[in-house]
Protein backbone atom coordinates (compact mmCIF):
# COMPACT_ATOMS: atom_id res chain seq x y z
CA MET A 1 0.23 -0.17 0.27
CA PRO A 2 0.86 3.51 -0.74
CA MET A 3 2.96 5.37 2.34
CA SER A 4 0.79 7.61 4.36
CA LEU A 5 1.86 11.41 4.47
CA GLN A 6 2.89 10.74 8.35
CA SER A 7 5.19 7.58 6.84
CA SER A 8 6.86 9.55 4.06
CA ALA A 9 7.63 12.29 6.54
CA ARG A 10 9.00 9.97 8.69
CA PHE A 11 11.14 8.36 6.17
CA ALA A 12 12.15 11.45 4.25
CA LEU A 13 13.88 12.55 7.82
CA LYS A 14 15.35 9.23 8.36
CA LEU A 15 17.07 9.90 5.09
CA ALA A 16 18.34 13.23 5.25
CA LEU A 17 19.54 12.49 9.03
CA SER A 18 21.37 9.26 7.13
CA LEU A 19 22.54 11.38 4.24
CA GLY A 20 23.75 14.03 6.61
CA CYS A 21 25.58 11.98 8.64
CA ALA A 22 27.28 10.24 5.69
CA VAL A 23 28.12 14.07 4.43
CA ALA A 24 29.58 14.72 8.10
CA ALA A 25 31.73 11.61 8.02
CA SER A 26 32.81 12.63 4.12
CA ASP A 27 33.97 15.75 5.61
CA ALA A 28 35.54 14.93 8.87
CA THR A 29 37.52 12.08 6.68
CA ALA A 30 38.38 15.21 4.13
CA PHE A 31 39.43 17.47 7.19
CA ASP A 32 42.15 15.21 8.43
CA SER A 33 43.50 13.92 4.98
CA PHE A 34 44.95 17.64 4.67
CA PHE A 35 44.66 18.85 8.69
CA GLY A 36 48.10 20.20 9.85
CA LYS A 37 49.74 19.32 6.44
CA SER A 38 51.06 21.59 3.93
CA ILE A 39 50.47 20.55 0.09
CA ASP A 40 53.96 21.04 -2.54
CA LEU A 41 52.92 22.59 -5.38
CA TYR A 42 55.87 22.22 -8.05
CA ILE A 43 55.91 24.72 -11.38
CA GLY A 44 58.00 23.24 -13.91
CA TYR A 45 59.88 26.05 -14.87
CA GLY A 46 62.19 28.77 -13.18
CA PRO A 47 60.64 32.44 -11.45
CA GLY A 48 58.71 34.96 -12.83
CA GLY A 49 57.49 33.65 -16.43
CA GLY A 50 54.10 32.36 -17.28
CA TYR A 51 53.61 29.15 -15.65
CA ASP A 52 55.10 30.41 -12.33
CA LEU A 53 52.74 33.14 -11.91
CA TYR A 54 49.93 30.81 -12.45
CA GLY A 55 51.06 28.55 -10.22
CA ARG A 56 51.64 31.20 -7.40
CA LEU A 57 48.43 32.62 -7.81
CA LEU A 58 46.88 28.96 -7.31
CA ALA A 59 48.86 28.50 -4.14
CA ARG A 60 47.50 31.54 -2.73
CA HIS A 61 44.13 30.45 -2.86
CA LEU A 62 43.64 26.92 -3.32
CA GLY A 63 44.25 26.09 0.07
CA ARG A 64 41.27 27.61 1.59
CA HIS A 65 38.80 25.55 -0.59
CA ILE A 66 40.61 22.59 1.17
CA PRO A 67 39.16 21.14 4.34
CA GLY A 68 41.90 21.45 7.24
CA ASN A 69 43.20 24.41 5.16
CA PRO A 70 46.38 23.41 4.20
CA SER A 71 49.02 25.83 2.96
CA VAL A 72 50.16 25.17 -0.65
CA ILE A 73 54.13 25.96 -1.13
CA PRO A 74 55.21 26.65 -4.69
CA GLN A 75 58.32 25.35 -5.59
CA ASN A 76 60.30 26.04 -8.81
CA MET A 77 61.51 22.96 -10.49
CA PRO A 78 62.58 23.93 -13.93
CA GLY A 79 64.46 21.53 -16.39
CA ALA A 80 63.98 19.26 -19.39
CA GLY A 81 61.40 21.86 -20.97
CA GLY A 82 59.11 22.40 -18.07
CA LEU A 83 58.64 18.16 -17.73
CA LYS A 84 61.61 17.31 -15.31
CA VAL A 85 58.82 18.06 -12.75
CA ALA A 86 56.43 15.48 -14.47
CA ASN A 87 58.92 13.12 -14.10
CA TYR A 88 59.51 13.59 -10.19
CA LEU A 89 55.87 13.57 -9.54
CA TYR A 90 55.57 10.50 -11.36
CA GLN A 91 58.58 8.57 -9.44
CA VAL A 92 59.10 10.50 -6.20
CA ALA A 93 56.43 12.68 -4.86
CA PRO A 94 54.09 10.79 -2.14
CA ARG A 95 51.01 9.43 -3.56
CA ASP A 96 48.60 11.03 -0.66
CA GLY A 97 47.36 14.43 -2.39
CA THR A 98 50.09 16.82 -0.90
CA ALA A 99 52.06 16.69 -4.05
CA LEU A 100 50.98 18.83 -7.19
CA ALA A 101 52.72 20.02 -10.23
CA ILE A 102 52.49 22.14 -13.07
CA ALA A 103 54.44 21.12 -16.04
CA ALA A 104 54.41 22.10 -19.68
CA GLU A 105 51.62 21.89 -21.63
CA SER A 106 53.11 19.63 -23.77
CA VAL A 107 53.43 16.90 -21.14
CA ALA A 108 50.90 14.39 -22.32
CA LEU A 109 51.99 15.33 -26.45
CA GLU A 110 55.43 14.57 -25.70
CA GLN A 111 54.47 11.36 -24.40
CA ALA A 112 52.50 10.48 -27.39
CA LEU A 113 55.47 11.42 -29.35
CA GLU A 114 58.14 9.43 -27.28
CA GLY A 115 60.39 12.36 -25.97
CA PRO A 116 63.59 11.17 -24.97
CA GLY A 117 63.92 10.90 -20.95
CA LEU A 118 60.42 10.93 -20.08
CA THR A 119 59.62 8.26 -17.55
CA TYR A 120 55.75 9.07 -16.88
CA ASP A 121 52.56 8.27 -18.07
CA ALA A 122 50.23 11.47 -18.22
CA GLY A 123 47.41 9.38 -18.51
CA LYS A 124 47.74 8.29 -14.19
CA PHE A 125 48.41 11.40 -13.20
CA GLY A 126 45.12 13.04 -11.12
CA TRP A 127 44.24 16.09 -13.34
CA ILE A 128 42.67 18.56 -11.23
CA GLY A 129 41.91 21.36 -13.39
CA ARG A 130 42.74 24.05 -15.92
CA MET A 131 43.15 27.46 -14.71
CA THR A 132 43.58 28.78 -18.59
CA ALA A 133 44.03 27.43 -21.98
CA SER A 134 47.33 28.78 -23.73
CA ALA A 135 47.70 30.73 -26.40
CA SER A 136 51.74 31.17 -27.44
CA ILE A 137 53.13 34.11 -29.43
CA PHE A 138 56.44 33.74 -31.04
CA PHE A 139 58.25 36.89 -31.93
CA THR A 140 61.33 38.54 -32.73
CA TRP A 141 63.23 41.34 -31.37
CA GLN A 142 62.97 44.58 -33.57
CA THR A 143 66.30 44.63 -34.71
CA SER A 144 65.80 41.36 -36.37
CA ARG A 145 65.18 41.23 -39.92
CA VAL A 146 62.84 38.51 -39.63
CA LYS A 147 59.50 40.26 -39.30
CA ASN A 148 57.03 37.72 -40.47
CA VAL A 149 57.08 34.30 -41.08
CA ALA A 150 58.41 35.34 -45.31
CA ASP A 151 61.09 36.53 -43.86
CA ALA A 152 61.28 33.12 -41.41
CA ARG A 153 61.58 31.26 -44.83
CA LEU A 154 64.47 33.32 -46.18
CA HIS A 155 66.83 34.09 -43.26
CA GLU A 156 67.94 31.76 -40.49
CA SER A 157 66.76 33.19 -36.45
CA LEU A 158 67.69 32.28 -33.39
CA PHE A 159 65.16 31.28 -30.98
CA GLY A 160 65.26 30.87 -27.39
CA ALA A 161 63.90 27.89 -25.64
CA THR A 162 63.99 26.20 -22.60
CA GLY A 163 64.19 22.72 -23.79
CA ILE A 164 64.05 20.47 -27.21
CA THR A 165 61.16 19.26 -25.82
CA GLY A 166 58.49 21.53 -25.08
CA ILE A 167 56.36 23.62 -27.09
CA THR A 168 59.57 26.46 -27.40
CA GLY A 169 61.56 23.75 -28.50
CA TYR A 170 59.95 21.78 -31.17
CA THR A 171 57.17 24.19 -32.79
CA PRO A 172 60.45 26.49 -34.63
CA ARG A 173 61.86 23.06 -35.75
CA ALA A 174 58.46 21.45 -36.92
CA LEU A 175 58.20 24.49 -38.70
CA ASN A 176 61.14 24.18 -40.58
CA ARG A 177 60.07 20.96 -41.95
CA LEU A 178 56.32 21.66 -42.55
CA ALA A 179 56.28 25.05 -43.26
CA GLY A 180 60.02 25.91 -44.59
CA THR A 181 61.44 27.94 -42.28
CA LYS A 182 64.81 28.84 -40.93
CA PHE A 183 64.73 28.81 -37.24
CA LYS A 184 67.83 27.63 -35.12
CA VAL A 185 66.66 26.69 -31.49
CA VAL A 186 69.10 27.49 -28.53
CA THR A 187 68.27 25.92 -25.59
CA GLY A 188 68.85 25.88 -21.51
CA TYR A 189 66.96 29.27 -20.74
CA SER A 190 64.51 28.46 -17.61
CA GLY A 191 61.85 30.44 -18.64
CA SER A 192 60.49 32.95 -21.01
CA THR A 193 61.95 35.75 -18.63
CA ASP A 194 65.24 34.41 -18.98
CA VAL A 195 64.42 34.36 -22.89
CA LEU A 196 63.28 38.14 -22.73
CA LEU A 197 66.21 39.17 -21.68
CA ALA A 198 68.45 37.27 -23.84
CA MET A 199 66.46 39.02 -26.63
CA GLU A 200 67.46 42.43 -25.52
CA ARG A 201 70.95 41.75 -25.08
CA ASN A 202 70.70 40.56 -29.15
CA GLU A 203 71.77 36.61 -28.01
CA VAL A 204 69.04 35.46 -29.80
CA ASP A 205 66.58 36.78 -32.50
CA GLY A 206 63.37 35.93 -30.61
CA GLY A 207 61.40 34.16 -28.03
CA PHE A 208 58.12 33.22 -27.00
CA ALA A 209 55.74 34.09 -24.18
CA LEU A 210 51.63 33.21 -23.02
CA TRP A 211 49.76 35.72 -25.24
CA PRO A 212 47.26 37.18 -22.49
CA GLU A 213 50.07 37.39 -20.08
CA PHE A 214 52.45 39.39 -22.08
CA LYS A 215 49.94 41.80 -23.35
CA GLN A 216 49.18 42.87 -19.81
CA GLN A 217 52.83 42.17 -18.70
CA ARG A 218 54.88 44.36 -21.70
CA PRO A 219 52.09 46.69 -23.23
CA ASP A 220 55.44 48.79 -23.97
CA TRP A 221 56.89 46.58 -26.17
CA ILE A 222 53.68 45.97 -28.25
CA ARG A 223 52.98 49.78 -28.44
CA GLU A 224 56.76 50.76 -28.79
CA GLN A 225 56.55 47.75 -31.66
CA LYS A 226 59.16 46.60 -30.00
CA ILE A 227 58.54 43.08 -31.07
CA ASN A 228 57.57 41.48 -34.40
CA ILE A 229 54.73 38.46 -33.70
CA LEU A 230 55.35 35.78 -36.23
CA TYR A 231 52.86 33.49 -35.31
CA ILE A 232 50.63 31.97 -32.50
CA VAL A 233 49.82 28.35 -31.34
CA ALA A 234 46.87 27.53 -30.67
CA ALA A 235 43.39 26.34 -32.17
CA SER A 236 42.72 29.57 -33.66
CA ARG A 237 43.42 33.43 -34.42
CA ALA A 238 43.20 35.66 -30.96
CA PRO A 239 40.51 38.12 -31.30
CA ASP A 240 42.98 40.99 -30.87
CA LEU A 241 45.79 39.78 -33.08
CA PRO A 242 43.52 39.07 -36.51
CA ASP A 243 46.74 39.31 -38.81
CA VAL A 244 48.77 36.96 -36.72
CA PRO A 245 48.17 33.28 -38.52
CA THR A 246 48.47 29.96 -36.04
CA THR A 247 50.74 27.64 -37.02
CA GLY A 248 47.93 25.17 -38.11
CA GLU A 249 47.87 27.63 -41.22
CA LEU A 250 50.88 27.74 -41.98
CA GLY A 251 51.89 24.08 -43.78
CA ARG A 252 53.17 23.60 -46.83
CA ASP A 253 49.95 21.43 -47.92
CA SER A 254 46.61 20.18 -46.27
CA GLU A 255 48.44 17.24 -44.15
CA ALA A 256 51.49 19.32 -43.11
CA SER A 257 49.18 21.71 -41.61
CA GLY A 258 46.97 18.92 -39.91
CA ILE A 259 50.38 17.72 -37.88
CA LEU A 260 50.71 21.28 -37.02
CA ARG A 261 47.70 21.45 -35.60
CA PHE A 262 47.75 18.50 -33.77
CA LEU A 263 51.15 19.81 -32.55
CA ALA A 264 49.33 22.77 -31.22
CA SER A 265 46.59 20.69 -29.36
CA THR A 266 48.49 21.67 -25.96
CA SER A 267 47.15 24.48 -25.82
CA GLU A 268 44.03 23.05 -24.72
CA VAL A 269 45.86 21.49 -21.79
CA GLY A 270 47.48 25.08 -20.72
CA ARG A 271 48.23 26.01 -17.39
CA ALA A 272 46.74 22.87 -15.54
CA VAL A 273 47.67 21.71 -12.26
CA PHE A 274 47.64 17.61 -11.52
CA SER A 275 48.41 15.36 -8.69
CA ALA A 276 50.95 12.26 -8.42
CA PRO A 277 49.60 9.07 -9.74
CA ASN A 278 47.41 6.66 -7.65
CA VAL A 279 46.29 9.29 -5.41
CA PRO A 280 42.82 7.77 -3.28
CA ALA A 281 39.79 8.56 -4.78
CA ASP A 282 38.01 10.36 -2.58
CA ARG A 283 41.08 12.68 -2.06
CA LEU A 284 41.30 13.49 -6.05
CA ALA A 285 37.53 14.19 -5.95
CA LEU A 286 38.48 16.69 -3.09
CA LEU A 287 41.25 17.91 -4.98
CA ARG A 288 39.18 18.46 -8.13
CA ARG A 289 36.34 20.15 -5.79
CA ALA A 290 38.28 22.50 -4.23
CA PHE A 291 39.84 23.59 -7.52
CA ARG A 292 35.94 24.20 -9.22
CA GLN A 293 35.43 26.45 -6.00
CA MET A 294 38.80 28.40 -6.18
CA ILE A 295 38.18 29.29 -9.80
CA GLU A 296 34.44 30.78 -8.70
CA ASP A 297 35.45 32.49 -6.27
CA ALA A 298 35.59 36.45 -5.83
CA ALA A 299 39.52 36.90 -4.23
CA PHE A 300 40.93 34.60 -6.67
CA LEU A 301 39.57 36.43 -9.82
CA ASP A 302 39.85 39.42 -8.28
CA ASP A 303 44.00 38.47 -7.82
CA ALA A 304 43.52 37.26 -11.32
CA ARG A 305 42.21 40.45 -12.94
CA LYS A 306 44.81 42.86 -10.79
CA ALA A 307 47.51 40.87 -12.41
CA GLY A 308 46.01 40.65 -15.96
CA MET A 309 45.94 37.27 -15.68
CA ARG A 310 43.21 35.58 -18.25
CA ILE A 311 41.35 32.63 -16.32
CA ASP A 312 39.95 30.10 -18.79
CA PRO A 313 38.88 27.18 -16.77
CA MET A 314 38.31 23.36 -17.34
CA PRO A 315 37.47 21.09 -14.58
CA GLY A 316 39.75 17.91 -14.15
CA GLU A 317 37.62 15.25 -15.25
CA ASP A 318 37.43 16.95 -18.45
CA LEU A 319 41.27 17.85 -18.80
CA GLN A 320 41.94 14.12 -17.96
CA ASN A 321 39.69 13.60 -21.36
CA VAL A 322 41.66 15.87 -23.33
CA VAL A 323 44.86 14.08 -21.61
CA THR A 324 43.24 10.51 -22.94
CA GLY A 325 42.57 12.08 -26.16
CA VAL A 326 46.21 13.32 -27.25
CA LEU A 327 47.64 10.11 -26.24
CA GLY A 328 45.03 8.22 -28.31
CA PHE A 329 45.77 10.26 -31.90
CA PRO A 330 46.08 7.73 -34.83
CA ARG A 331 49.76 6.34 -35.06
CA ARG A 332 50.32 7.07 -38.70
CA LEU A 333 49.59 10.75 -37.58
CA VAL A 334 52.15 10.21 -34.43
CA ALA A 335 54.75 9.02 -36.53
CA GLU A 336 54.74 11.92 -39.06
CA ALA A 337 54.41 14.22 -36.38
CA LYS A 338 57.37 12.70 -34.62
CA GLU A 339 59.72 13.01 -37.82
CA ALA A 340 58.30 16.74 -38.00
CA ARG A 341 59.71 18.33 -34.82
CA ASN A 342 62.86 16.86 -34.55
């Protein structure tokens, strides 16, 4: 027989109490997981660059949204084009949620392309979330004779990079093979800030930067035309750079352009944070929830706005799917991309 109104009310009350106890127990467990602890946030590049700025922004705000309010301590770990930190997190870091990282946006792509010295599986990291997609511009200094891509096909130019792997190293080399440019990559810089200094000292012709950050940090360079923006690594042209082509537009033919678009897919990973592998599922869920709360928090958004930092977030679950997609690209395309970037 159907429940009476009174019976239904009693059932609803019991269910609410049961659920309330379960939530309380879950919150208590979450609180115990991080209370009195700190979280190390490893940043794959040196101080002052775009990755560092986003990492320190996250470190200032994430802990407030984690039960137990752990402090988040940013630590720079440059090397291997921003991928040394990924090796560390996979091989060494604790797997309890107290170690997070922001690595090169190419972390999944480099694995797909079987880059040298990589000892991680990006698909096994716990992806927490993305703060912003990336749109990296590559440019030359005002004194360079290379003013555009057409010039780059005629004249050799030196480009500063953080390493052979990573977007700063492989993009110019891929364009050499697929678009006929003559870039020469000079590695060893810890981040974009060091490359910009090298440009000013005329050690190299060109460098790179994340476009949304760069236009806030160096508006005088743009206003005074101190640089020549050659191309942008992104899925589409930037609305405020309508005349600057994406790398995917520059291929010698349609197949070459397709490979260049594949290599530019890292822009979707962007400035993302992830945990070590095999973090317990409840803690990973907790960290993802904290990230979602952080990117909607007024204090976080105000801090980002004041620093001129663009927030274009993606939740961890969706980001995990992006990484899976990168790792699952057709092998024929991967093989051709490997040849192109070498």
